[in-house]
PDB file of N, CA and C in Angstrom:
ATOM      1  N   MET A   1     111.027 140.557 146.190  1.00  0.00           N
ATOM      2  CA  MET A   1     111.855 139.350 146.060  1.00  0.00           C
ATOM      3  C   MET A   1     113.235 139.762 145.480  1.00  0.00           C
ATOM      4  N   THR A   2     114.237 139.303 146.177  1.00  0.00           N
ATOM      5  CA  THR A   2     115.578 139.644 145.720  1.00  0.00           C
ATOM      6  C   THR A   2     116.015 138.714 144.540  1.00  0.00           C
ATOM      7  N   THR A   3     117.043 139.126 143.835  1.00  0.00           N
ATOM      8  CA  THR A   3     117.527 138.322 142.733  1.00  0.00           C
ATOM      9  C   THR A   3     118.013 136.969 143.192  1.00  0.00           C
ATOM     10  N   ARG A   4     118.642 136.928 144.346  1.00  0.00           N
ATOM     11  CA  ARG A   4     119.191 135.660 144.888  1.00  0.00           C
ATOM     12  C   ARG A   4     118.037 134.718 145.224  1.00  0.00           C
ATOM     13  N   ALA A   5     116.986 135.281 145.870  1.00  0.00           N
ATOM     14  CA  ALA A   5     115.821 134.409 146.183  1.00  0.00           C
ATOM     15  C   ALA A   5     115.113 133.895 144.919  1.00  0.00           C
ATOM     16  N   PHE A   6     115.017 134.746 143.903  1.00  0.00           N
ATOM     17  CA  PHE A   6     114.427 134.301 142.662  1.00  0.00           C
ATOM     18  C   PHE A   6     115.227 133.165 142.028  1.00  0.00           C
ATOM     19  N   CYS A   7     116.558 133.305 142.012  1.00  0.00           N
ATOM     20  CA  CYS A   7     117.414 132.286 141.380  1.00  0.00           C
ATOM     21  C   CYS A   7     117.279 130.964 142.119  1.00  0.00           C
ATOM     22  N   ILE A   8     117.185 131.034 143.446  1.00  0.00           N
ATOM     23  CA  ILE A   8     117.107 129.852 144.228  1.00  0.00           C
ATOM     24  C   ILE A   8     115.721 129.161 143.958  1.00  0.00           C
ATOM     25  N   LEU A   9     114.614 129.945 143.938  1.00  0.00           N
ATOM     26  CA  LEU A   9     113.339 129.400 143.680  1.00  0.00           C
ATOM     27  C   LEU A   9     113.237 128.793 142.280  1.00  0.00           C
ATOM     28  N   ALA A  10     113.722 129.524 141.305  1.00  0.00           N
ATOM     29  CA  ALA A  10     113.671 128.975 139.942  1.00  0.00           C
ATOM     30  C   ALA A  10     114.522 127.702 139.809  1.00  0.00           C
ATOM     31  N   ALA A  11     115.674 127.717 140.411  1.00  0.00           N
ATOM     32  CA  ALA A  11     116.514 126.514 140.386  1.00  0.00           C
ATOM     33  C   ALA A  11     115.909 125.315 141.037  1.00  0.00           C
ATOM     34  N   ALA A  12     115.261 125.555 142.144  1.00  0.00           N
ATOM     35  CA  ALA A  12     114.623 124.474 142.887  1.00  0.00           C
ATOM     36  C   ALA A  12     113.439 123.905 142.030  1.00  0.00           C
ATOM     37  N   ILE A  13     112.681 124.744 141.386  1.00  0.00           N
ATOM     38  CA  ILE A  13     111.584 124.254 140.482  1.00  0.00           C
ATOM     39  C   ILE A  13     112.167 123.428 139.354  1.00  0.00           C
ATOM     40  N   PHE A  14     113.212 123.936 138.765  1.00  0.00           N
ATOM     41  CA  PHE A  14     113.845 123.148 137.636  1.00  0.00           C
ATOM     42  C   PHE A  14     114.379 121.831 138.118  1.00  0.00           C
ATOM     43  N   ALA A  15     114.945 121.831 139.314  1.00  0.00           N
ATOM     44  CA  ALA A  15     115.471 120.602 139.905  1.00  0.00           C
ATOM     45  C   ALA A  15     114.341 119.574 140.145  1.00  0.00           C
ATOM     46  N   LEU A  16     113.222 120.078 140.623  1.00  0.00           N
ATOM     47  CA  LEU A  16     112.038 119.201 140.815  1.00  0.00           C
ATOM     48  C   LEU A  16     111.545 118.631 139.525  1.00  0.00           C
ATOM     49  N   ILE A  17     111.532 119.447 138.457  1.00  0.00           N
ATOM     50  CA  ILE A  17     111.094 118.960 137.181  1.00  0.00           C
ATOM     51  C   ILE A  17     112.034 117.890 136.673  1.00  0.00           C
ATOM     52  N   ALA A  18     113.353 118.069 136.832  1.00  0.00           N
ATOM     53  CA  ALA A  18     114.354 117.088 136.403  1.00  0.00           C
ATOM     54  C   ALA A  18     114.177 115.808 137.119  1.00  0.00           C
ATOM     55  N   VAL A  19     113.974 115.856 138.431  1.00  0.00           N
ATOM     56  CA  VAL A  19     113.774 114.657 139.229  1.00  0.00           C
ATOM     57  C   VAL A  19     112.524 113.936 138.872  1.00  0.00           C
ATOM     58  N   LEU A  20     111.416 114.655 138.660  1.00  0.00           N
ATOM     59  CA  LEU A  20     110.161 113.987 138.241  1.00  0.00           C
ATOM     60  C   LEU A  20     110.261 113.340 136.875  1.00  0.00           C
ATOM     61  N   GLN A  21     110.972 114.002 135.964  1.00  0.00           N
ATOM     62  CA  GLN A  21     111.148 113.348 134.630  1.00  0.00           C
ATOM     63  C   GLN A  21     112.028 112.117 134.744  1.00  0.00           C
ATOM     64  N   LEU A  22     113.043 112.137 135.619  1.00  0.00           N
ATOM     65  CA  LEU A  22     113.908 110.974 135.833  1.00  0.00           C
ATOM     66  C   LEU A  22     113.133 109.818 136.497  1.00  0.00           C
ATOM     67  N   ILE A  23     112.216 110.146 137.415  1.00  0.00           N
ATOM     68  CA  ILE A  23     111.365 109.184 138.033  1.00  0.00           C
ATOM     69  C   ILE A  23     110.437 108.516 136.971  1.00  0.00           C
ATOM     70  N   ARG A  24     109.926 109.360 136.094  1.00  0.00           N
ATOM     71  CA  ARG A  24     109.069 108.825 134.999  1.00  0.00           C
ATOM     72  C   ARG A  24     109.819 107.844 134.188  1.00  0.00           C
ATOM     73  N   ILE A  25     111.067 108.078 133.869  1.00  0.00           N
ATOM     74  CA  ILE A  25     111.888 107.159 133.065  1.00  0.00           C
ATOM     75  C   ILE A  25     112.104 105.865 133.819  1.00  0.00           C
ATOM     76  N   VAL A  26     112.527 105.958 135.063  1.00  0.00           N
ATOM     77  CA  VAL A  26     112.876 104.806 135.884  1.00  0.00           C
ATOM     78  C   VAL A  26     111.646 103.953 136.155  1.00  0.00           C
ATOM     79  N   MET A  27     110.522 104.576 136.466  1.00  0.00           N
ATOM     80  CA  MET A  27     109.297 103.837 136.834  1.00  0.00           C
ATOM     81  C   MET A  27     108.537 103.369 135.569  1.00  0.00           C
ATOM     82  N   GLY A  28     108.881 103.925 134.436  1.00  0.00           N
ATOM     83  CA  GLY A  28     108.206 103.503 133.170  1.00  0.00           C
ATOM     84  C   GLY A  28     106.826 104.071 132.984  1.00  0.00           C
ATOM     85  N   TRP A  29     106.552 105.201 133.598  1.00  0.00           N
ATOM     86  CA  TRP A  29     105.205 105.801 133.512  1.00  0.00           C
ATOM     87  C   TRP A  29     105.003 106.343 132.082  1.00  0.00           C
ATOM     88  N   SER A  30     103.875 106.037 131.523  1.00  0.00           N
ATOM     89  CA  SER A  30     103.522 106.541 130.194  1.00  0.00           C
ATOM     90  C   SER A  30     102.727 107.861 130.357  1.00  0.00           C
ATOM     91  N   VAL A  31     102.988 108.733 129.376  1.00  0.00           N
ATOM     92  CA  VAL A  31     102.270 110.016 129.358  1.00  0.00           C
ATOM     93  C   VAL A  31     101.657 110.118 127.992  1.00  0.00           C
ATOM     94  N   THR A  32     100.380 110.457 127.973  1.00  0.00           N
ATOM     95  CA  THR A  32      99.618 110.602 126.717  1.00  0.00           C
ATOM     96  C   THR A  32      99.095 112.078 126.625  1.00  0.00           C
ATOM     97  N   LEU A  33      99.436 112.736 125.605  1.00  0.00           N
ATOM     98  CA  LEU A  33      98.937 114.072 125.385  1.00  0.00           C
ATOM     99  C   LEU A  33      98.117 114.105 124.113  1.00  0.00           C
ATOM    100  N   ASN A  34      96.839 114.398 124.270  1.00  0.00           N
ATOM    101  CA  ASN A  34      95.928 114.476 123.169  1.00  0.00           C
ATOM    102  C   ASN A  34      95.897 113.211 122.304  1.00  0.00           C
ATOM    103  N   GLY A  35      95.981 112.065 122.966  1.00  0.00           N
ATOM    104  CA  GLY A  35      95.956 110.812 122.324  1.00  0.00           C
ATOM    105  C   GLY A  35      97.284 110.287 121.767  1.00  0.00           C
ATOM    106  N   VAL A  36      98.351 111.033 121.974  1.00  0.00           N
ATOM    107  CA  VAL A  36      99.646 110.668 121.459  1.00  0.00           C
ATOM    108  C   VAL A  36     100.567 110.364 122.648  1.00  0.00           C
ATOM    109  N   ASP A  37     101.200 109.200 122.609  1.00  0.00           N
ATOM    110  CA  ASP A  37     102.132 108.827 123.689  1.00  0.00           C
ATOM    111  C   ASP A  37     103.425 109.625 123.544  1.00  0.00           C
ATOM    112  N   VAL A  38     103.894 110.174 124.672  1.00  0.00           N
ATOM    113  CA  VAL A  38     105.128 110.926 124.685  1.00  0.00           C
ATOM    114  C   VAL A  38     106.257 109.953 124.884  1.00  0.00           C
ATOM    115  N   PRO A  39     107.241 109.910 123.998  1.00  0.00           N
ATOM    116  CA  PRO A  39     108.337 108.951 124.079  1.00  0.00           C
ATOM    117  C   PRO A  39     109.287 109.264 125.259  1.00  0.00           C
ATOM    118  N   PHE A  40     110.006 108.235 125.694  1.00  0.00           N
ATOM    119  CA  PHE A  40     110.884 108.381 126.832  1.00  0.00           C
ATOM    120  C   PHE A  40     112.111 109.264 126.466  1.00  0.00           C
ATOM    121  N   TRP A  41     112.509 109.312 125.200  1.00  0.00           N
ATOM    122  CA  TRP A  41     113.652 110.149 124.845  1.00  0.00           C
ATOM    123  C   TRP A  41     113.343 111.635 125.112  1.00  0.00           C
ATOM    124  N   ALA A  42     112.063 112.002 125.043  1.00  0.00           N
ATOM    125  CA  ALA A  42     111.684 113.387 125.344  1.00  0.00           C
ATOM    126  C   ALA A  42     111.932 113.709 126.825  1.00  0.00           C
ATOM    127  N   SER A  43     111.732 112.705 127.621  1.00  0.00           N
ATOM    128  CA  SER A  43     111.990 112.910 129.079  1.00  0.00           C
ATOM    129  C   SER A  43     113.474 113.025 129.370  1.00  0.00           C
ATOM    130  N   TRP A  44     114.304 112.302 128.604  1.00  0.00           N
ATOM    131  CA  TRP A  44     115.766 112.417 128.769  1.00  0.00           C
ATOM    132  C   TRP A  44     116.244 113.895 128.422  1.00  0.00           C
ATOM    133  N   ILE A  45     115.671 114.400 127.343  1.00  0.00           N
ATOM    134  CA  ILE A  45     115.925 115.802 126.989  1.00  0.00           C
ATOM    135  C   ILE A  45     115.483 116.748 128.098  1.00  0.00           C
ATOM    136  N   ALA A  46     114.279 116.488 128.644  1.00  0.00           N
ATOM    137  CA  ALA A  46     113.766 117.350 129.687  1.00  0.00           C
ATOM    138  C   ALA A  46     114.664 117.264 130.948  1.00  0.00           C
ATOM    139  N   VAL A  47     115.163 116.059 131.245  1.00  0.00           N
ATOM    140  CA  VAL A  47     116.045 115.890 132.409  1.00  0.00           C
ATOM    141  C   VAL A  47     117.332 116.718 132.226  1.00  0.00           C
ATOM    142  N   ILE A  48     117.889 116.663 131.058  1.00  0.00           N
ATOM    143  CA  ILE A  48     119.148 117.382 130.778  1.00  0.00           C
ATOM    144  C   ILE A  48     118.919 118.905 130.817  1.00  0.00           C
ATOM    145  N   VAL A  49     117.885 119.379 130.114  1.00  0.00           N
ATOM    146  CA  VAL A  49     117.609 120.816 130.053  1.00  0.00           C
ATOM    147  C   VAL A  49     117.247 121.356 131.443  1.00  0.00           C
ATOM    148  N   ALA A  50     116.364 120.687 132.139  1.00  0.00           N
ATOM    149  CA  ALA A  50     115.965 121.145 133.481  1.00  0.00           C
ATOM    150  C   ALA A  50     117.169 121.100 134.449  1.00  0.00           C
ATOM    151  N   GLY A  51     117.967 120.020 134.352  1.00  0.00           N
ATOM    152  CA  GLY A  51     119.162 119.900 135.186  1.00  0.00           C
ATOM    153  C   GLY A  51     120.153 121.041 134.972  1.00  0.00           C
ATOM    154  N   VAL A  52     120.382 121.345 133.702  1.00  0.00           N
ATOM    155  CA  VAL A  52     121.321 122.470 133.393  1.00  0.00           C
ATOM    156  C   VAL A  52     120.745 123.800 133.907  1.00  0.00           C
ATOM    157  N   LEU A  53     119.474 124.042 133.678  1.00  0.00           N
ATOM    158  CA  LEU A  53     118.851 125.283 134.192  1.00  0.00           C
ATOM    159  C   LEU A  53     118.908 125.331 135.712  1.00  0.00           C
ATOM    160  N   SER A  54     118.725 124.235 136.363  1.00  0.00           N
ATOM    161  CA  SER A  54     118.793 124.240 137.821  1.00  0.00           C
ATOM    162  C   SER A  54     120.224 124.532 138.284  1.00  0.00           C
ATOM    163  N   PHE A  55     121.209 123.902 137.656  1.00  0.00           N
ATOM    164  CA  PHE A  55     122.603 124.147 137.986  1.00  0.00           C
ATOM    165  C   PHE A  55     122.947 125.635 137.793  1.00  0.00           C
ATOM    166  N   VAL A  56     122.541 126.181 136.670  1.00  0.00           N
ATOM    167  CA  VAL A  56     122.816 127.622 136.357  1.00  0.00           C
ATOM    168  C   VAL A  56     122.155 128.546 137.416  1.00  0.00           C
ATOM    169  N   GLY A  57     120.938 128.209 137.765  1.00  0.00           N
ATOM    170  CA  GLY A  57     120.222 129.002 138.775  1.00  0.00           C
ATOM    171  C   GLY A  57     120.874 129.002 140.101  1.00  0.00           C
ATOM    172  N   PHE A  58     121.251 127.788 140.590  1.00  0.00           N
ATOM    173  CA  PHE A  58     121.943 127.683 141.868  1.00  0.00           C
ATOM    174  C   PHE A  58     123.306 128.416 141.833  1.00  0.00           C
ATOM    175  N   ARG A  59     123.962 128.304 140.721  1.00  0.00           N
ATOM    176  CA  ARG A  59     125.266 128.910 140.559  1.00  0.00           C
ATOM    177  C   ARG A  59     125.132 130.431 140.601  1.00  0.00           C
ATOM    178  N   ALA A  60     124.053 130.920 139.906  1.00  0.00           N
ATOM    179  CA  ALA A  60     123.853 132.392 139.917  1.00  0.00           C
ATOM    180  C   ALA A  60     123.502 132.872 141.304  1.00  0.00           C
ATOM    181  N   ALA A  61     122.798 132.076 142.082  1.00  0.00           N
ATOM    182  CA  ALA A  61     122.399 132.466 143.454  1.00  0.00           C
ATOM    183  C   ALA A  61     123.597 132.605 144.346  1.00  0.00           C
ATOM    184  N   MET A  62     124.650 131.872 144.073  1.00  0.00           N
ATOM    185  CA  MET A  62     125.867 131.889 144.891  1.00  0.00           C
ATOM    186  C   MET A  62     126.758 133.068 144.599  1.00  0.00           C
ATOM    187  N   ARG A  63     126.542 133.766 143.490  1.00  0.00           N
ATOM    188  CA  ARG A  63     127.415 134.912 143.193  1.00  0.00           C
ATOM    189  C   ARG A  63     127.012 136.122 143.952  1.00  0.00           C
TER     190      ARG A  63
END
């Protein structure tokens, strides 16, 4: 696997994670881990982090 292909694959996975987290927020889906509800602000952080990592990955693939 080339570096470019790896960057594109990683960026696409991070983009998918960001979109799924955003869908969770919009649809109001609750997530419970080990009996504890995960707050929506954690999903906002996940959207931002995954979005930035996706952007960086796609940008690295274009170089």
